[in-house]
């Protein structure tokens, strides 16, 4: 099994690219989706988040907007949250690998792949990228994203330029969906030829 780490800063088109890998038959572990499951009603992280950040839980689920306010207000809160959420995500990831042990290539879609040192747990890294102007336009078009929030989110991520330097493969998403899909297919062909 080849584990391909997929990452990219906010607004680069990583989720769309992950779907393209799915379309090509690759199982995808989505770290964001795993966190959403942990935060949803009945999710494993809800009780501990309620104990630490009581007003961040509403109707037995985590209110991500309230939780986000804590994270932006005090960096220590983010460390506290990560200290119990990251191990839970790791459990989900291990279960995913067991479920897909017969796949030739699996994708680990992790926004903070480098920041959490998970690049060391994969065989190759794919960075999804686009020019800053395109990234900014995409992010600011989303509901509830202000210029300040965009800058705050970017400040917590490794700069795109640094990610590009560390990548084994780059996928450029500013030339349309079909162009990106061809890049995905090319990477998979190259990896399958090596095995």
Protein backbone atom coordinates (compact mmCIF):
# COMPACT_ATOMS: atom_id res chain seq x y z
CA UNK A 1 0.00 0.00 0.00
CA UNK A 2 1.24 3.46 -0.95
CA UNK A 3 0.08 6.20 1.41
CA UNK A 4 -0.20 9.51 -0.36
CA UNK A 5 -0.45 12.58 1.86
CA UNK A 6 -2.68 15.28 0.37
CA UNK A 7 -2.48 18.80 1.72
CA UNK A 8 -2.86 22.43 0.76
CA UNK A 9 -3.73 25.72 2.36
CA UNK A 10 -7.28 26.99 2.67
CA UNK A 11 -8.90 27.81 -0.67
CA UNK A 12 -6.42 25.86 -2.79
CA UNK A 13 -8.93 23.23 -3.93
CA UNK A 14 -7.79 20.31 -1.77
CA UNK A 15 -11.29 18.91 -1.11
CA UNK A 16 -12.13 18.95 -4.81
CA UNK A 17 -8.81 17.26 -5.57
CA UNK A 18 -9.47 14.61 -2.90
CA UNK A 19 -12.75 13.81 -4.66
CA UNK A 20 -10.81 13.37 -7.91
CA UNK A 21 -8.62 10.75 -6.21
CA UNK A 22 -11.83 9.04 -4.99
CA UNK A 23 -13.17 9.11 -8.54
CA UNK A 24 -10.00 7.27 -9.62
CA UNK A 25 -10.71 4.51 -7.09
CA UNK A 26 -8.46 5.61 -4.22
CA UNK A 27 -9.87 5.43 -0.68
CA UNK A 28 -9.50 8.83 1.02
CA UNK A 29 -9.11 9.43 4.74
CA UNK A 30 -10.48 12.94 5.31
CA UNK A 31 -9.12 14.38 8.56
CA UNK A 32 -11.63 17.26 8.51
CA UNK A 33 -14.54 14.82 8.13
CA UNK A 34 -13.15 12.76 11.03
CA UNK A 35 -13.15 15.90 13.21
CA UNK A 36 -16.72 16.74 12.10
CA UNK A 37 -17.81 13.24 13.21
CA UNK A 38 -16.11 13.74 16.59
CA UNK A 39 -17.92 17.09 17.03
CA UNK A 40 -21.35 15.92 15.83
CA UNK A 41 -24.21 14.88 18.13
CA UNK A 42 -23.03 11.72 19.90
CA UNK A 43 -19.45 12.34 18.76
CA UNK A 44 -16.63 11.06 20.93
CA UNK A 45 -15.14 14.55 21.51
CA UNK A 46 -18.38 16.23 22.61
CA UNK A 47 -18.24 15.32 26.35
CA UNK A 48 -14.64 16.45 26.84
CA UNK A 49 -15.18 19.67 24.87
CA UNK A 50 -18.26 20.33 27.00
CA UNK A 51 -16.14 19.89 30.13
CA UNK A 52 -13.42 22.28 28.94
CA UNK A 53 -15.41 24.78 26.83
CA UNK A 54 -19.00 24.41 28.15
CA UNK A 55 -20.66 27.06 25.97
CA UNK A 56 -19.11 25.52 22.82
CA UNK A 57 -21.58 22.62 23.02
CA UNK A 58 -25.18 23.24 21.97
CA UNK A 59 -27.86 20.56 21.46
CA UNK A 60 -25.28 17.84 22.28
CA UNK A 61 -22.98 18.85 19.40
CA UNK A 62 -19.99 21.17 19.18
CA UNK A 63 -20.74 24.66 17.89
CA UNK A 64 -17.66 25.19 15.73
CA UNK A 65 -18.15 28.98 15.58
CA UNK A 66 -18.02 29.29 19.39
CA UNK A 67 -15.11 26.84 19.61
CA UNK A 68 -13.29 28.83 16.91
CA UNK A 69 -13.62 32.00 18.98
CA UNK A 70 -11.80 30.26 21.84
CA UNK A 71 -9.06 29.08 19.51
CA UNK A 72 -8.47 32.55 18.09
CA UNK A 73 -8.59 34.22 21.51
CA UNK A 74 -5.92 32.10 23.19
CA UNK A 75 -3.32 29.85 21.50
CA UNK A 76 -3.21 27.71 24.68
CA UNK A 77 -6.86 26.75 24.07
CA UNK A 78 -5.87 25.37 20.66
CA UNK A 79 -3.11 23.27 22.26
CA UNK A 80 -5.58 21.95 24.85
CA UNK A 81 -8.13 21.06 22.17
CA UNK A 82 -5.52 19.37 19.97
CA UNK A 83 -4.20 17.35 22.92
CA UNK A 84 -7.38 15.29 23.02
CA UNK A 85 -8.76 15.65 19.48
CA UNK A 86 -5.58 14.56 17.65
CA UNK A 87 -5.43 11.14 19.37
CA UNK A 88 -9.11 10.59 18.50
CA UNK A 89 -8.42 11.45 14.84
CA UNK A 90 -5.46 9.02 14.93
CA UNK A 91 -7.83 6.24 16.05
CA UNK A 92 -10.14 7.03 13.13
CA UNK A 93 -7.17 6.99 10.75
CA UNK A 94 -5.95 3.60 12.00
CA UNK A 95 -9.44 2.14 11.56
CA UNK A 96 -9.52 3.55 8.00
CA UNK A 97 -6.21 1.85 7.12
CA UNK A 98 -7.48 -1.47 8.48
CA UNK A 99 -10.66 -1.14 6.41
CA UNK A 100 -8.64 -0.43 3.23
CA UNK A 101 -5.59 -2.66 3.77
CA UNK A 102 -5.99 -4.22 0.28
CA UNK A 103 -5.93 -0.89 -1.62
CA UNK A 104 -2.83 -0.18 -3.70
CA UNK A 105 -2.93 3.58 -3.04
CA UNK A 106 -4.73 5.38 -0.23
CA UNK A 107 -4.99 9.12 0.28
CA UNK A 108 -4.52 10.83 3.63
CA UNK A 109 -6.22 14.21 3.22
CA UNK A 110 -4.85 16.36 6.07
CA UNK A 111 -4.92 20.18 5.89
CA UNK A 112 -2.15 20.49 8.49
CA UNK A 113 -0.05 17.55 7.24
CA UNK A 114 3.30 19.30 7.71
CA UNK A 115 2.27 21.28 10.80
CA UNK A 116 1.35 18.05 12.64
CA UNK A 117 4.39 16.12 11.27
CA UNK A 118 2.09 13.60 9.55
CA UNK A 119 4.18 14.00 6.40
CA UNK A 120 6.50 11.48 8.12
CA UNK A 121 3.67 8.91 8.12
CA UNK A 122 3.19 8.92 4.32
CA UNK A 123 5.25 7.70 1.37
CA UNK A 124 4.71 10.75 -0.85
CA UNK A 125 3.20 14.21 -0.40
CA UNK A 126 0.90 15.96 -2.87
CA UNK A 127 0.43 19.70 -2.35
CA UNK A 128 -2.60 21.35 -3.95
CA UNK A 129 -1.80 24.93 -4.86
CA UNK A 130 -2.95 28.04 -6.71
CA UNK A 131 -1.76 31.65 -6.91
CA UNK A 132 -2.48 33.76 -3.81
CA UNK A 133 -4.93 35.97 -5.74
CA UNK A 134 -7.03 32.92 -6.69
CA UNK A 135 -6.84 31.51 -3.16
CA UNK A 136 -7.96 34.80 -1.59
CA UNK A 137 -10.85 35.18 -4.05
CA UNK A 138 -12.08 31.62 -3.34
CA UNK A 139 -11.90 31.95 0.43
CA UNK A 140 -13.54 35.38 0.65
CA UNK A 141 -16.42 34.07 -1.50
CA UNK A 142 -17.31 31.59 1.28
CA UNK A 143 -20.08 32.45 3.74
CA UNK A 144 -18.88 33.97 6.98
CA UNK A 145 -15.24 34.44 5.95
CA UNK A 146 -13.95 37.95 6.48
CA UNK A 147 -10.56 39.33 5.47
CA UNK A 148 -9.45 39.13 9.13
CA UNK A 149 -10.55 35.52 9.52
CA UNK A 150 -8.82 34.58 6.25
CA UNK A 151 -5.55 36.13 7.47
CA UNK A 152 -5.95 34.43 10.87
CA UNK A 153 -6.45 31.03 9.22
CA UNK A 154 -3.47 31.57 6.93
CA UNK A 155 -1.26 32.55 9.87
CA UNK A 156 -1.81 29.12 11.44
CA UNK A 157 -0.76 27.29 8.28
CA UNK A 158 2.66 26.77 6.81
CA UNK A 159 3.12 29.21 3.89
CA UNK A 160 2.19 27.76 0.50
CA UNK A 161 5.69 28.42 -0.82
CA UNK A 162 7.19 26.24 1.94
CA UNK A 163 4.65 23.47 1.31
CA UNK A 164 5.54 23.47 -2.37
CA UNK A 165 9.23 23.01 -1.53
CA UNK A 166 8.43 19.96 0.60
CA UNK A 167 6.07 18.33 -1.90
CA UNK A 168 6.81 15.26 -4.00
CA UNK A 169 4.00 16.25 -6.37
CA UNK A 170 2.19 19.53 -7.03
CA UNK A 171 -1.36 19.91 -8.34
CA UNK A 172 -2.19 23.36 -9.69
CA UNK A 173 -5.90 24.13 -9.44
CA UNK A 174 -6.13 27.50 -11.17
CA UNK A 175 -6.49 26.10 -14.72
CA UNK A 176 -9.85 24.36 -14.35
CA UNK A 177 -11.17 21.04 -13.09
CA UNK A 178 -10.18 18.92 -16.08
CA UNK A 179 -6.61 20.17 -15.91
CA UNK A 180 -6.45 19.24 -12.20
CA UNK A 181 -7.99 15.83 -12.93
CA UNK A 182 -5.29 15.12 -15.54
CA UNK A 183 -2.64 15.96 -12.94
CA UNK A 184 -4.25 13.51 -10.48
CA UNK A 185 -4.32 10.77 -13.13
CA UNK A 186 -0.68 11.43 -14.05
CA UNK A 187 0.44 11.06 -10.42
CA UNK A 188 -1.45 7.79 -10.02
CA UNK A 189 -0.02 6.40 -13.29
CA UNK A 190 3.49 7.31 -12.17
CA UNK A 191 3.06 5.69 -8.75
CA UNK A 192 1.49 2.53 -10.16
CA UNK A 193 4.33 2.14 -12.66
CA UNK A 194 6.81 2.12 -9.76
CA UNK A 195 5.04 -0.68 -7.87
